[in-house]
Amino acid sequence: MLAMFFWAFIIGGIICLIGQLLFDVAKLTPGHTLSLLVVIGAILSGLGLYEPLIDFAGAGATIPITSFGNSLVEGAMNEADKHGIVGVLTGMFEVTSSGISAAIIFGFIGALIFKPKG
């Protein structure tokens, strides 16, 4: 059990380290960094490498933003098998719609509760 926590911490930390290096060294904006990490997760998922990472690291691979790219690809591939090319578009949104909706709703609530500084 302790090894599972250790590897989740290490793998999650490496993903965060990559994001921080993109900020500091490559001087990318937050939007560019976010998009790049999602694309990296999607590419790893498409190559079949992200699921073994999830099996190995657990929450260390499912919590960072790279797992959003994994979810997009997995949903698209599953629905493409069932419904063809239309399933590619619907599958991405079917799997990730609850997370996107929650982000919008909680972002709106946060904007109502807290005052912006700028």
PDB file of N, CA and C in Angstrom:
ATOM      1  N   MET A   1       0.835  -1.187   0.000  1.00  0.00           N
ATOM      2  CA  MET A   1       0.000   0.000   0.000  1.00  0.00           C
ATOM      3  C   MET A   1       0.880   1.251   0.000  1.00  0.00           C
ATOM      4  N   LEU A   2       1.934   1.238   0.770  1.00  0.00           N
ATOM      5  CA  LEU A   2       2.820   2.398   0.833  1.00  0.00           C
ATOM      6  C   LEU A   2       3.521   2.631  -0.500  1.00  0.00           C
ATOM      7  N   ALA A   3       3.860   1.562  -1.196  1.00  0.00           N
ATOM      8  CA  ALA A   3       4.500   1.689  -2.511  1.00  0.00           C
ATOM      9  C   ALA A   3       3.557   2.340  -3.513  1.00  0.00           C
ATOM     10  N   MET A   4       2.259   2.038  -3.397  1.00  0.00           N
ATOM     11  CA  MET A   4       1.275   2.642  -4.298  1.00  0.00           C
ATOM     12  C   MET A   4       1.234   4.159  -4.100  1.00  0.00           C
ATOM     13  N   PHE A   5       1.240   4.598  -2.852  1.00  0.00           N
ATOM     14  CA  PHE A   5       1.259   6.042  -2.569  1.00  0.00           C
ATOM     15  C   PHE A   5       2.553   6.686  -3.054  1.00  0.00           C
ATOM     16  N   PHE A   6       3.651   5.987  -2.862  1.00  0.00           N
ATOM     17  CA  PHE A   6       4.944   6.512  -3.289  1.00  0.00           C
ATOM     18  C   PHE A   6       4.973   6.744  -4.795  1.00  0.00           C
ATOM     19  N   TRP A   7       4.551   5.732  -5.584  1.00  0.00           N
ATOM     20  CA  TRP A   7       4.611   5.873  -7.037  1.00  0.00           C
ATOM     21  C   TRP A   7       3.583   6.872  -7.554  1.00  0.00           C
ATOM     22  N   ALA A   8       2.432   6.980  -6.894  1.00  0.00           N
ATOM     23  CA  ALA A   8       1.461   8.005  -7.282  1.00  0.00           C
ATOM     24  C   ALA A   8       2.064   9.394  -7.070  1.00  0.00           C
ATOM     25  N   PHE A   9       2.764   9.574  -5.957  1.00  0.00           N
ATOM     26  CA  PHE A   9       3.413  10.851  -5.665  1.00  0.00           C
ATOM     27  C   PHE A   9       4.511  11.162  -6.672  1.00  0.00           C
ATOM     28  N   ILE A  10       5.322  10.171  -6.992  1.00  0.00           N
ATOM     29  CA  ILE A  10       6.446  10.373  -7.925  1.00  0.00           C
ATOM     30  C   ILE A  10       5.939  10.686  -9.333  1.00  0.00           C
ATOM     31  N   ILE A  11       5.026   9.881  -9.848  1.00  0.00           N
ATOM     32  CA  ILE A  11       4.529  10.088 -11.212  1.00  0.00           C
ATOM     33  C   ILE A  11       3.749  11.395 -11.313  1.00  0.00           C
ATOM     34  N   GLY A  12       2.891  11.672 -10.356  1.00  0.00           N
ATOM     35  CA  GLY A  12       2.173  12.953 -10.343  1.00  0.00           C
ATOM     36  C   GLY A  12       3.136  14.123 -10.237  1.00  0.00           C
ATOM     37  N   GLY A  13       4.180  13.965  -9.433  1.00  0.00           N
ATOM     38  CA  GLY A  13       5.184  15.017  -9.295  1.00  0.00           C
ATOM     39  C   GLY A  13       5.967  15.242 -10.577  1.00  0.00           C
ATOM     40  N   ILE A  14       6.252  14.171 -11.303  1.00  0.00           N
ATOM     41  CA  ILE A  14       6.969  14.312 -12.577  1.00  0.00           C
ATOM     42  C   ILE A  14       6.111  15.051 -13.596  1.00  0.00           C
ATOM     43  N   ILE A  15       4.818  14.742 -13.632  1.00  0.00           N
ATOM     44  CA  ILE A  15       3.915  15.454 -14.545  1.00  0.00           C
ATOM     45  C   ILE A  15       3.862  16.934 -14.186  1.00  0.00           C
ATOM     46  N   CYS A  16       3.778  17.229 -12.901  1.00  0.00           N
ATOM     47  CA  CYS A  16       3.773  18.631 -12.456  1.00  0.00           C
ATOM     48  C   CYS A  16       5.111  19.313 -12.739  1.00  0.00           C
ATOM     49  N   LEU A  17       6.200  18.585 -12.583  1.00  0.00           N
ATOM     50  CA  LEU A  17       7.525  19.116 -12.885  1.00  0.00           C
ATOM     51  C   LEU A  17       7.629  19.491 -14.362  1.00  0.00           C
ATOM     52  N   ILE A  18       7.107  18.633 -15.226  1.00  0.00           N
ATOM     53  CA  ILE A  18       7.113  18.939 -16.659  1.00  0.00           C
ATOM     54  C   ILE A  18       6.334  20.221 -16.928  1.00  0.00           C
ATOM     55  N   GLY A  19       5.172  20.365 -16.313  1.00  0.00           N
ATOM     56  CA  GLY A  19       4.384  21.588 -16.477  1.00  0.00           C
ATOM     57  C   GLY A  19       5.129  22.815 -15.973  1.00  0.00           C
ATOM     58  N   GLN A  20       5.787  22.699 -14.839  1.00  0.00           N
ATOM     59  CA  GLN A  20       6.535  23.829 -14.281  1.00  0.00           C
ATOM     60  C   GLN A  20       7.720  24.198 -15.163  1.00  0.00           C
ATOM     61  N   LEU A  21       8.396  23.196 -15.715  1.00  0.00           N
ATOM     62  CA  LEU A  21       9.506  23.476 -16.628  1.00  0.00           C
ATOM     63  C   LEU A  21       9.016  24.170 -17.904  1.00  0.00           C
ATOM     64  N   LEU A  22       7.833  23.804 -18.362  1.00  0.00           N
ATOM     65  CA  LEU A  22       7.270  24.489 -19.527  1.00  0.00           C
ATOM     66  C   LEU A  22       7.016  25.961 -19.225  1.00  0.00           C
ATOM     67  N   PHE A  23       6.593  26.253 -17.988  1.00  0.00           N
ATOM     68  CA  PHE A  23       6.414  27.653 -17.566  1.00  0.00           C
ATOM     69  C   PHE A  23       7.747  28.386 -17.489  1.00  0.00           C
ATOM     70  N   ASP A  24       8.677  27.807 -16.736  1.00  0.00           N
ATOM     71  CA  ASP A  24       9.912  28.510 -16.385  1.00  0.00           C
ATOM     72  C   ASP A  24      10.962  28.511 -17.489  1.00  0.00           C
ATOM     73  N   VAL A  25      11.197  27.374 -18.092  1.00  0.00           N
ATOM     74  CA  VAL A  25      12.274  27.254 -19.074  1.00  0.00           C
ATOM     75  C   VAL A  25      11.794  27.642 -20.471  1.00  0.00           C
ATOM     76  N   ALA A  26      10.659  27.079 -20.883  1.00  0.00           N
ATOM     77  CA  ALA A  26      10.157  27.356 -22.232  1.00  0.00           C
ATOM     78  C   ALA A  26       9.382  28.665 -22.303  1.00  0.00           C
ATOM     79  N   LYS A  27       9.084  29.259 -21.137  1.00  0.00           N
ATOM     80  CA  LYS A  27       8.356  30.530 -21.057  1.00  0.00           C
ATOM     81  C   LYS A  27       6.993  30.462 -21.750  1.00  0.00           C
ATOM     82  N   LEU A  28       6.312  29.301 -21.640  1.00  0.00           N
ATOM     83  CA  LEU A  28       4.983  29.164 -22.208  1.00  0.00           C
ATOM     84  C   LEU A  28       3.951  29.776 -21.280  1.00  0.00           C
ATOM     85  N   THR A  29       2.860  30.244 -21.841  1.00  0.00           N
ATOM     86  CA  THR A  29       1.767  30.794 -21.043  1.00  0.00           C
ATOM     87  C   THR A  29       1.004  29.645 -20.392  1.00  0.00           C
ATOM     88  N   PRO A  30       0.176  29.931 -19.377  1.00  0.00           N
ATOM     89  CA  PRO A  30      -0.618  28.859 -18.768  1.00  0.00           C
ATOM     90  C   PRO A  30      -1.521  28.146 -19.772  1.00  0.00           C
ATOM     91  N   GLY A  31      -2.103  28.892 -20.693  1.00  0.00           N
ATOM     92  CA  GLY A  31      -2.966  28.266 -21.693  1.00  0.00           C
ATOM     93  C   GLY A  31      -2.212  27.327 -22.618  1.00  0.00           C
ATOM     94  N   HIS A  32      -1.022  27.747 -23.031  1.00  0.00           N
ATOM     95  CA  HIS A  32      -0.202  26.885 -23.884  1.00  0.00           C
ATOM     96  C   HIS A  32       0.245  25.634 -23.132  1.00  0.00           C
ATOM     97  N   THR A  33       0.626  25.805 -21.875  1.00  0.00           N
ATOM     98  CA  THR A  33       1.073  24.671 -21.069  1.00  0.00           C
ATOM     99  C   THR A  33      -0.067  23.685 -20.853  1.00  0.00           C
ATOM    100  N   LEU A  34      -1.239  24.201 -20.518  1.00  0.00           N
ATOM    101  CA  LEU A  34      -2.413  23.360 -20.317  1.00  0.00           C
ATOM    102  C   LEU A  34      -2.731  22.570 -21.580  1.00  0.00           C
ATOM    103  N   SER A  35      -2.746  23.250 -22.707  1.00  0.00           N
ATOM    104  CA  SER A  35      -3.062  22.592 -23.975  1.00  0.00           C
ATOM    105  C   SER A  35      -2.019  21.534 -24.324  1.00  0.00           C
ATOM    106  N   LEU A  36      -0.768  21.856 -24.111  1.00  0.00           N
ATOM    107  CA  LEU A  36       0.298  20.915 -24.430  1.00  0.00           C
ATOM    108  C   LEU A  36       0.212  19.661 -23.558  1.00  0.00           C
ATOM    109  N   LEU A  37      -0.077  19.817 -22.280  1.00  0.00           N
ATOM    110  CA  LEU A  37      -0.192  18.655 -21.395  1.00  0.00           C
ATOM    111  C   LEU A  37      -1.397  17.793 -21.768  1.00  0.00           C
ATOM    112  N   VAL A  38      -2.501  18.413 -22.177  1.00  0.00           N
ATOM    113  CA  VAL A  38      -3.660  17.640 -22.632  1.00  0.00           C
ATOM    114  C   VAL A  38      -3.310  16.864 -23.893  1.00  0.00           C
ATOM    115  N   VAL A  39      -2.614  17.508 -24.826  1.00  0.00           N
ATOM    116  CA  VAL A  39      -2.217  16.832 -26.065  1.00  0.00           C
ATOM    117  C   VAL A  39      -1.245  15.691 -25.773  1.00  0.00           C
ATOM    118  N   ILE A  40      -0.309  15.894 -24.858  1.00  0.00           N
ATOM    119  CA  ILE A  40       0.623  14.827 -24.490  1.00  0.00           C
ATOM    120  C   ILE A  40      -0.142  13.632 -23.911  1.00  0.00           C
ATOM    121  N   GLY A  41      -1.114  13.905 -23.047  1.00  0.00           N
ATOM    122  CA  GLY A  41      -1.938  12.820 -22.501  1.00  0.00           C
ATOM    123  C   GLY A  41      -2.727  12.101 -23.579  1.00  0.00           C
ATOM    124  N   ALA A  42      -3.226  12.859 -24.559  1.00  0.00           N
ATOM    125  CA  ALA A  42      -3.978  12.251 -25.658  1.00  0.00           C
ATOM    126  C   ALA A  42      -3.069  11.385 -26.527  1.00  0.00           C
ATOM    127  N   ILE A  43      -1.876  11.867 -26.809  1.00  0.00           N
ATOM    128  CA  ILE A  43      -0.935  11.097 -27.624  1.00  0.00           C
ATOM    129  C   ILE A  43      -0.531   9.808 -26.904  1.00  0.00           C
ATOM    130  N   LEU A  44      -0.223   9.915 -25.617  1.00  0.00           N
ATOM    131  CA  LEU A  44       0.141   8.717 -24.849  1.00  0.00           C
ATOM    132  C   LEU A  44      -1.008   7.719 -24.812  1.00  0.00           C
ATOM    133  N   SER A  45      -2.227   8.224 -24.720  1.00  0.00           N
ATOM    134  CA  SER A  45      -3.396   7.350 -24.731  1.00  0.00           C
ATOM    135  C   SER A  45      -3.574   6.690 -26.085  1.00  0.00           C
ATOM    136  N   GLY A  46      -3.399   7.463 -27.151  1.00  0.00           N
ATOM    137  CA  GLY A  46      -3.525   6.913 -28.485  1.00  0.00           C
ATOM    138  C   GLY A  46      -2.484   5.841 -28.780  1.00  0.00           C
ATOM    139  N   LEU A  47      -1.312   5.967 -28.188  1.00  0.00           N
ATOM    140  CA  LEU A  47      -0.252   4.975 -28.366  1.00  0.00           C
ATOM    141  C   LEU A  47      -0.396   3.786 -27.408  1.00  0.00           C
ATOM    142  N   GLY A  48      -1.394   3.857 -26.531  1.00  0.00           N
ATOM    143  CA  GLY A  48      -1.620   2.774 -25.584  1.00  0.00           C
ATOM    144  C   GLY A  48      -0.702   2.796 -24.381  1.00  0.00           C
ATOM    145  N   LEU A  49      -0.107   3.948 -24.089  1.00  0.00           N
ATOM    146  CA  LEU A  49       0.842   4.047 -22.980  1.00  0.00           C
ATOM    147  C   LEU A  49       0.251   4.650 -21.707  1.00  0.00           C
ATOM    148  N   TYR A  50      -0.903   5.322 -21.820  1.00  0.00           N
ATOM    149  CA  TYR A  50      -1.427   6.000 -20.637  1.00  0.00           C
ATOM    150  C   TYR A  50      -2.147   5.045 -19.679  1.00  0.00           C
ATOM    151  N   GLU A  51      -2.867   4.056 -20.207  1.00  0.00           N
ATOM    152  CA  GLU A  51      -3.555   3.097 -19.331  1.00  0.00           C
ATOM    153  C   GLU A  51      -2.573   2.313 -18.452  1.00  0.00           C
ATOM    154  N   PRO A  52      -1.443   1.821 -18.995  1.00  0.00           N
ATOM    155  CA  PRO A  52      -0.468   1.173 -18.100  1.00  0.00           C
ATOM    156  C   PRO A  52       0.084   2.140 -17.047  1.00  0.00           C
ATOM    157  N   LEU A  53       0.211   3.424 -17.404  1.00  0.00           N
ATOM    158  CA  LEU A  53       0.663   4.420 -16.433  1.00  0.00           C
ATOM    159  C   LEU A  53      -0.362   4.587 -15.326  1.00  0.00           C
ATOM    160  N   ILE A  54      -1.641   4.578 -15.678  1.00  0.00           N
ATOM    161  CA  ILE A  54      -2.701   4.671 -14.670  1.00  0.00           C
ATOM    162  C   ILE A  54      -2.688   3.431 -13.780  1.00  0.00           C
ATOM    163  N   ASP A  55      -2.512   2.266 -14.384  1.00  0.00           N
ATOM    164  CA  ASP A  55      -2.451   1.033 -13.595  1.00  0.00           C
ATOM    165  C   ASP A  55      -1.278   1.045 -12.617  1.00  0.00           C
ATOM    166  N   PHE A  56      -0.173   1.648 -13.030  1.00  0.00           N
ATOM    167  CA  PHE A  56       1.025   1.697 -12.195  1.00  0.00           C
ATOM    168  C   PHE A  56       0.934   2.787 -11.133  1.00  0.00           C
ATOM    169  N   ALA A  57       0.521   4.004 -11.519  1.00  0.00           N
ATOM    170  CA  ALA A  57       0.587   5.152 -10.626  1.00  0.00           C
ATOM    171  C   ALA A  57      -0.744   5.543  -9.998  1.00  0.00           C
ATOM    172  N   GLY A  58      -1.839   5.016 -10.454  1.00  0.00           N
ATOM    173  CA  GLY A  58      -3.137   5.342  -9.877  1.00  0.00           C
ATOM    174  C   GLY A  58      -3.460   6.817  -9.984  1.00  0.00           C
ATOM    175  N   ALA A  59      -3.740   7.440  -8.835  1.00  0.00           N
ATOM    176  CA  ALA A  59      -4.119   8.845  -8.815  1.00  0.00           C
ATOM    177  C   ALA A  59      -3.004   9.769  -9.288  1.00  0.00           C
ATOM    178  N   GLY A  60      -1.778   9.310  -9.259  1.00  0.00           N
ATOM    179  CA  GLY A  60      -0.674  10.116  -9.759  1.00  0.00           C
ATOM    180  C   GLY A  60      -0.777  10.370 -11.252  1.00  0.00           C
ATOM    181  N   ALA A  61      -1.527   9.516 -11.952  1.00  0.00           N
ATOM    182  CA  ALA A  61      -1.729   9.696 -13.392  1.00  0.00           C
ATOM    183  C   ALA A  61      -3.148  10.138 -13.738  1.00  0.00           C
ATOM    184  N   THR A  62      -4.111   9.923 -12.832  1.00  0.00           N
ATOM    185  CA  THR A  62      -5.492  10.294 -13.144  1.00  0.00           C
ATOM    186  C   THR A  62      -5.859  11.695 -12.694  1.00  0.00           C
ATOM    187  N   ILE A  63      -5.141  12.276 -11.763  1.00  0.00           N
ATOM    188  CA  ILE A  63      -5.474  13.610 -11.260  1.00  0.00           C
ATOM    189  C   ILE A  63      -4.917  14.729 -12.145  1.00  0.00           C
ATOM    190  N   PRO A  64      -3.689  14.664 -12.646  1.00  0.00           N
ATOM    191  CA  PRO A  64      -3.175  15.775 -13.468  1.00  0.00           C
ATOM    192  C   PRO A  64      -3.956  15.954 -14.773  1.00  0.00           C
ATOM    193  N   ILE A  65      -3.774  17.086 -15.406  1.00  0.00           N
ATOM    194  CA  ILE A  65      -4.530  17.457 -16.608  1.00  0.00           C
ATOM    195  C   ILE A  65      -4.255  16.521 -17.780  1.00  0.00           C
ATOM    196  N   THR A  66      -3.159  15.792 -17.752  1.00  0.00           N
ATOM    197  CA  THR A  66      -2.879  14.859 -18.843  1.00  0.00           C
ATOM    198  C   THR A  66      -3.952  13.781 -18.951  1.00  0.00           C
ATOM    199  N   SER A  67      -4.614  13.470 -17.837  1.00  0.00           N
ATOM    200  CA  SER A  67      -5.664  12.451 -17.882  1.00  0.00           C
ATOM    201  C   SER A  67      -6.892  12.944 -18.634  1.00  0.00           C
ATOM    202  N   PHE A  68      -7.055  14.265 -18.777  1.00  0.00           N
ATOM    203  CA  PHE A  68      -8.161  14.794 -19.568  1.00  0.00           C
ATOM    204  C   PHE A  68      -7.960  14.417 -21.036  1.00  0.00           C
ATOM    205  N   GLY A  69      -6.740  14.517 -21.526  1.00  0.00           N
ATOM    206  CA  GLY A  69      -6.439  14.084 -22.883  1.00  0.00           C
ATOM    207  C   GLY A  69      -6.693  12.597 -23.051  1.00  0.00           C
ATOM    208  N   ASN A  70      -6.334  11.826 -22.032  1.00  0.00           N
ATOM    209  CA  ASN A  70      -6.596  10.390 -22.046  1.00  0.00           C
ATOM    210  C   ASN A  70      -8.092  10.130 -22.127  1.00  0.00           C
ATOM    211  N   SER A  71      -8.883  10.844 -21.362  1.00  0.00           N
ATOM    212  CA  SER A  71     -10.343  10.659 -21.375  1.00  0.00           C
ATOM    213  C   SER A  71     -10.941  11.004 -22.730  1.00  0.00           C
ATOM    214  N   LEU A  72     -10.448  12.073 -23.344  1.00  0.00           N
ATOM    215  CA  LEU A  72     -10.947  12.454 -24.661  1.00  0.00           C
ATOM    216  C   LEU A  72     -10.701  11.345 -25.682  1.00  0.00           C
ATOM    217  N   VAL A  73      -9.495  10.820 -25.709  1.00  0.00           N
ATOM    218  CA  VAL A  73      -9.157   9.780 -26.685  1.00  0.00           C
ATOM    219  C   VAL A  73      -9.893   8.486 -26.394  1.00  0.00           C
ATOM    220  N   GLU A  74      -9.959   8.088 -25.129  1.00  0.00           N
ATOM    221  CA  GLU A  74     -10.652   6.846 -24.779  1.00  0.00           C
ATOM    222  C   GLU A  74     -12.133   6.924 -25.153  1.00  0.00           C
ATOM    223  N   GLY A  75     -12.772   8.053 -24.857  1.00  0.00           N
ATOM    224  CA  GLY A  75     -14.181   8.218 -25.215  1.00  0.00           C
ATOM    225  C   GLY A  75     -14.392   8.197 -26.711  1.00  0.00           C
ATOM    226  N   ALA A  76     -13.522   8.867 -27.437  1.00  0.00           N
ATOM    227  CA  ALA A  76     -13.641   8.907 -28.899  1.00  0.00           C
ATOM    228  C   ALA A  76     -13.440   7.519 -29.494  1.00  0.00           C
ATOM    229  N   MET A  77     -12.468   6.778 -28.998  1.00  0.00           N
ATOM    230  CA  MET A  77     -12.192   5.449 -29.552  1.00  0.00           C
ATOM    231  C   MET A  77     -13.308   4.454 -29.229  1.00  0.00           C
ATOM    232  N   ASN A  78     -13.837   4.528 -28.012  1.00  0.00           N
ATOM    233  CA  ASN A  78     -14.924   3.612 -27.635  1.00  0.00           C
ATOM    234  C   ASN A  78     -16.176   3.862 -28.472  1.00  0.00           C
ATOM    235  N   GLU A  79     -16.532   5.120 -28.646  1.00  0.00           N
ATOM    236  CA  GLU A  79     -17.723   5.448 -29.421  1.00  0.00           C
ATOM    237  C   GLU A  79     -17.506   5.240 -30.916  1.00  0.00           C
ATOM    238  N   ALA A  80     -16.282   5.397 -31.383  1.00  0.00           N
ATOM    239  CA  ALA A  80     -15.989   5.143 -32.794  1.00  0.00           C
ATOM    240  C   ALA A  80     -16.199   3.671 -33.129  1.00  0.00           C
ATOM    241  N   ASP A  81     -15.891   2.796 -32.195  1.00  0.00           N
ATOM    242  CA  ASP A  81     -16.131   1.368 -32.419  1.00  0.00           C
ATOM    243  C   ASP A  81     -17.622   1.071 -32.540  1.00  0.00           C
ATOM    244  N   LYS A  82     -18.436   1.806 -31.791  1.00  0.00           N
ATOM    245  CA  LYS A  82     -19.880   1.556 -31.796  1.00  0.00           C
ATOM    246  C   LYS A  82     -20.603   2.270 -32.932  1.00  0.00           C
ATOM    247  N   HIS A  83     -20.253   3.557 -33.181  1.00  0.00           N
ATOM    248  CA  HIS A  83     -21.047   4.394 -34.086  1.00  0.00           C
ATOM    249  C   HIS A  83     -20.272   4.952 -35.269  1.00  0.00           C
ATOM    250  N   GLY A  84     -19.054   4.542 -35.458  1.00  0.00           N
ATOM    251  CA  GLY A  84     -18.278   5.029 -36.595  1.00  0.00           C
ATOM    252  C   GLY A  84     -17.746   6.433 -36.377  1.00  0.00           C
ATOM    253  N   ILE A  85     -17.639   7.190 -37.462  1.00  0.00           N
ATOM    254  CA  ILE A  85     -17.017   8.519 -37.411  1.00  0.00           C
ATOM    255  C   ILE A  85     -17.803   9.502 -36.554  1.00  0.00           C
ATOM    256  N   VAL A  86     -19.105   9.372 -36.507  1.00  0.00           N
ATOM    257  CA  VAL A  86     -19.917  10.255 -35.657  1.00  0.00           C
ATOM    258  C   VAL A  86     -19.594  10.006 -34.190  1.00  0.00           C
ATOM    259  N   GLY A  87     -19.292   8.768 -33.852  1.00  0.00           N
ATOM    260  CA  GLY A  87     -18.947   8.426 -32.481  1.00  0.00           C
ATOM    261  C   GLY A  87     -17.673   9.084 -31.989  1.00  0.00           C
ATOM    262  N   VAL A  88     -16.784   9.418 -32.915  1.00  0.00           N
ATOM    263  CA  VAL A  88     -15.550  10.101 -32.514  1.00  0.00           C
ATOM    264  C   VAL A  88     -15.885  11.443 -31.873  1.00  0.00           C
ATOM    265  N   LEU A  89     -16.776  12.185 -32.482  1.00  0.00           N
ATOM    266  CA  LEU A  89     -17.145  13.505 -31.942  1.00  0.00           C
ATOM    267  C   LEU A  89     -17.997  13.396 -30.691  1.00  0.00           C
ATOM    268  N   THR A  90     -18.994  12.512 -30.719  1.00  0.00           N
ATOM    269  CA  THR A  90     -19.879  12.407 -29.563  1.00  0.00           C
ATOM    270  C   THR A  90     -19.200  11.744 -28.371  1.00  0.00           C
ATOM    271  N   GLY A  91     -18.290  10.817 -28.630  1.00  0.00           N
ATOM    272  CA  GLY A  91     -17.626  10.102 -27.543  1.00  0.00           C
ATOM    273  C   GLY A  91     -16.760  10.993 -26.678  1.00  0.00           C
ATOM    274  N   MET A  92     -16.077  11.949 -27.309  1.00  0.00           N
ATOM    275  CA  MET A  92     -15.226  12.865 -26.538  1.00  0.00           C
ATOM    276  C   MET A  92     -16.053  13.649 -25.532  1.00  0.00           C
ATOM    277  N   PHE A  93     -17.205  14.127 -25.966  1.00  0.00           N
ATOM    278  CA  PHE A  93     -18.018  14.974 -25.100  1.00  0.00           C
ATOM    279  C   PHE A  93     -18.836  14.163 -24.107  1.00  0.00           C
ATOM    280  N   GLU A  94     -19.189  12.949 -24.476  1.00  0.00           N
ATOM    281  CA  GLU A  94     -19.970  12.109 -23.572  1.00  0.00           C
ATOM    282  C   GLU A  94     -19.181  11.761 -22.320  1.00  0.00           C
ATOM    283  N   VAL A  95     -17.918  11.433 -22.486  1.00  0.00           N
ATOM    284  CA  VAL A  95     -17.089  11.016 -21.356  1.00  0.00           C
ATOM    285  C   VAL A  95     -16.674  12.208 -20.500  1.00  0.00           C
ATOM    286  N   THR A  96     -16.401  13.341 -21.104  1.00  0.00           N
ATOM    287  CA  THR A  96     -15.836  14.472 -20.368  1.00  0.00           C
ATOM    288  C   THR A  96     -16.852  15.551 -20.006  1.00  0.00           C
ATOM    289  N   SER A  97     -18.102  15.379 -20.395  1.00  0.00           N
ATOM    290  CA  SER A  97     -19.085  16.447 -20.182  1.00  0.00           C
ATOM    291  C   SER A  97     -19.314  16.758 -18.700  1.00  0.00           C
ATOM    292  N   SER A  98     -19.294  15.768 -17.844  1.00  0.00           N
ATOM    293  CA  SER A  98     -19.531  16.041 -16.422  1.00  0.00           C
ATOM    294  C   SER A  98     -18.390  16.861 -15.825  1.00  0.00           C
ATOM    295  N   GLY A  99     -17.151  16.572 -16.212  1.00  0.00           N
ATOM    296  CA  GLY A  99     -16.013  17.353 -15.705  1.00  0.00           C
ATOM    297  C   GLY A  99     -16.023  18.779 -16.219  1.00  0.00           C
ATOM    298  N   ILE A 100     -16.347  18.956 -17.487  1.00  0.00           N
ATOM    299  CA  ILE A 100     -16.422  20.304 -18.063  1.00  0.00           C
ATOM    300  C   ILE A 100     -17.545  21.096 -17.409  1.00  0.00           C
ATOM    301  N   SER A 101     -18.705  20.451 -17.231  1.00  0.00           N
ATOM    302  CA  SER A 101     -19.841  21.128 -16.594  1.00  0.00           C
ATOM    303  C   SER A 101     -19.510  21.533 -15.165  1.00  0.00           C
ATOM    304  N   ALA A 102     -18.869  20.646 -14.425  1.00  0.00           N
ATOM    305  CA  ALA A 102     -18.497  20.969 -13.041  1.00  0.00           C
ATOM    306  C   ALA A 102     -17.520  22.137 -13.002  1.00  0.00           C
ATOM    307  N   ALA A 103     -16.565  22.181 -13.914  1.00  0.00           N
ATOM    308  CA  ALA A 103     -15.604  23.288 -13.945  1.00  0.00           C
ATOM    309  C   ALA A 103     -16.304  24.613 -14.218  1.00  0.00           C
ATOM    310  N   ILE A 104     -17.255  24.620 -15.123  1.00  0.00           N
ATOM    311  CA  ILE A 104     -17.990  25.846 -15.441  1.00  0.00           C
ATOM    312  C   ILE A 104     -18.845  26.288 -14.261  1.00  0.00           C
ATOM    313  N   ILE A 105     -19.574  25.352 -13.669  1.00  0.00           N
ATOM    314  CA  ILE A 105     -20.472  25.696 -12.554  1.00  0.00           C
ATOM    315  C   ILE A 105     -19.685  26.187 -11.346  1.00  0.00           C
ATOM    316  N   PHE A 106     -18.642  25.465 -10.946  1.00  0.00           N
ATOM    317  CA  PHE A 106     -17.874  25.876  -9.780  1.00  0.00           C
ATOM    318  C   PHE A 106     -17.063  27.137 -10.043  1.00  0.00           C
ATOM    319  N   GLY A 107     -16.621  27.337 -11.277  1.00  0.00           N
ATOM    320  CA  GLY A 107     -15.963  28.590 -11.635  1.00  0.00           C
ATOM    321  C   GLY A 107     -16.908  29.771 -11.509  1.00  0.00           C
ATOM    322  N   PHE A 108     -18.142  29.590 -11.939  1.00  0.00           N
ATOM    323  CA  PHE A 108     -19.152  30.646 -11.821  1.00  0.00           C
ATOM    324  C   PHE A 108     -19.458  30.945 -10.355  1.00  0.00           C
ATOM    325  N   ILE A 109     -19.625  29.896  -9.555  1.00  0.00           N
ATOM    326  CA  ILE A 109     -19.896  30.091  -8.118  1.00  0.00           C
ATOM    327  C   ILE A 109     -18.724  30.806  -7.455  1.00  0.00           C
ATOM    328  N   GLY A 110     -17.497  30.408  -7.804  1.00  0.00           N
ATOM    329  CA  GLY A 110     -16.317  31.077  -7.250  1.00  0.00           C
ATOM    330  C   GLY A 110     -16.265  32.545  -7.634  1.00  0.00           C
ATOM    331  N   ALA A 111     -16.665  32.864  -8.855  1.00  0.00           N
ATOM    332  CA  ALA A 111     -16.679  34.259  -9.300  1.00  0.00           C
ATOM    333  C   ALA A 111     -17.728  35.068  -8.564  1.00  0.00           C
ATOM    334  N   LEU A 112     -18.820  34.441  -8.189  1.00  0.00           N
ATOM    335  CA  LEU A 112     -19.856  35.153  -7.435  1.00  0.00           C
ATOM    336  C   LEU A 112     -19.430  35.398  -5.985  1.00  0.00           C
ATOM    337  N   ILE A 113     -18.723  34.459  -5.397  1.00  0.00           N
ATOM    338  CA  ILE A 113     -18.361  34.545  -3.975  1.00  0.00           C
ATOM    339  C   ILE A 113     -17.170  35.488  -3.749  1.00  0.00           C
ATOM    340  N   PHE A 114     -16.151  35.396  -4.582  1.00  0.00           N
ATOM    341  CA  PHE A 114     -14.916  36.138  -4.349  1.00  0.00           C
ATOM    342  C   PHE A 114     -14.811  37.337  -5.275  1.00  0.00           C
ATOM    343  N   LYS A 115     -14.211  38.405  -4.761  1.00  0.00           N
ATOM    344  CA  LYS A 115     -14.028  39.616  -5.570  1.00  0.00           C
ATOM    345  C   LYS A 115     -12.704  39.545  -6.315  1.00  0.00           C
ATOM    346  N   PRO A 116     -12.700  39.899  -7.587  1.00  0.00           N
ATOM    347  CA  PRO A 116     -11.437  39.904  -8.335  1.00  0.00           C
ATOM    348  C   PRO A 116     -10.548  41.060  -7.890  1.00  0.00           C
ATOM    349  N   LYS A 117      -9.247  40.870  -7.961  1.00  0.00           N
ATOM    350  CA  LYS A 117      -8.311  41.906  -7.561  1.00  0.00           C
ATOM    351  C   LYS A 117      -8.080  42.918  -8.652  1.00  0.00           C
ATOM    352  N   GLY A 118      -8.266  42.546  -9.904  1.00  0.00           N
ATOM    353  CA  GLY A 118      -7.953  43.425 -11.017  1.00  0.00           C
ATOM    354  C   GLY A 118      -9.120  44.192 -11.415  1.00  0.00           C
TER     355      GLY A 118
END
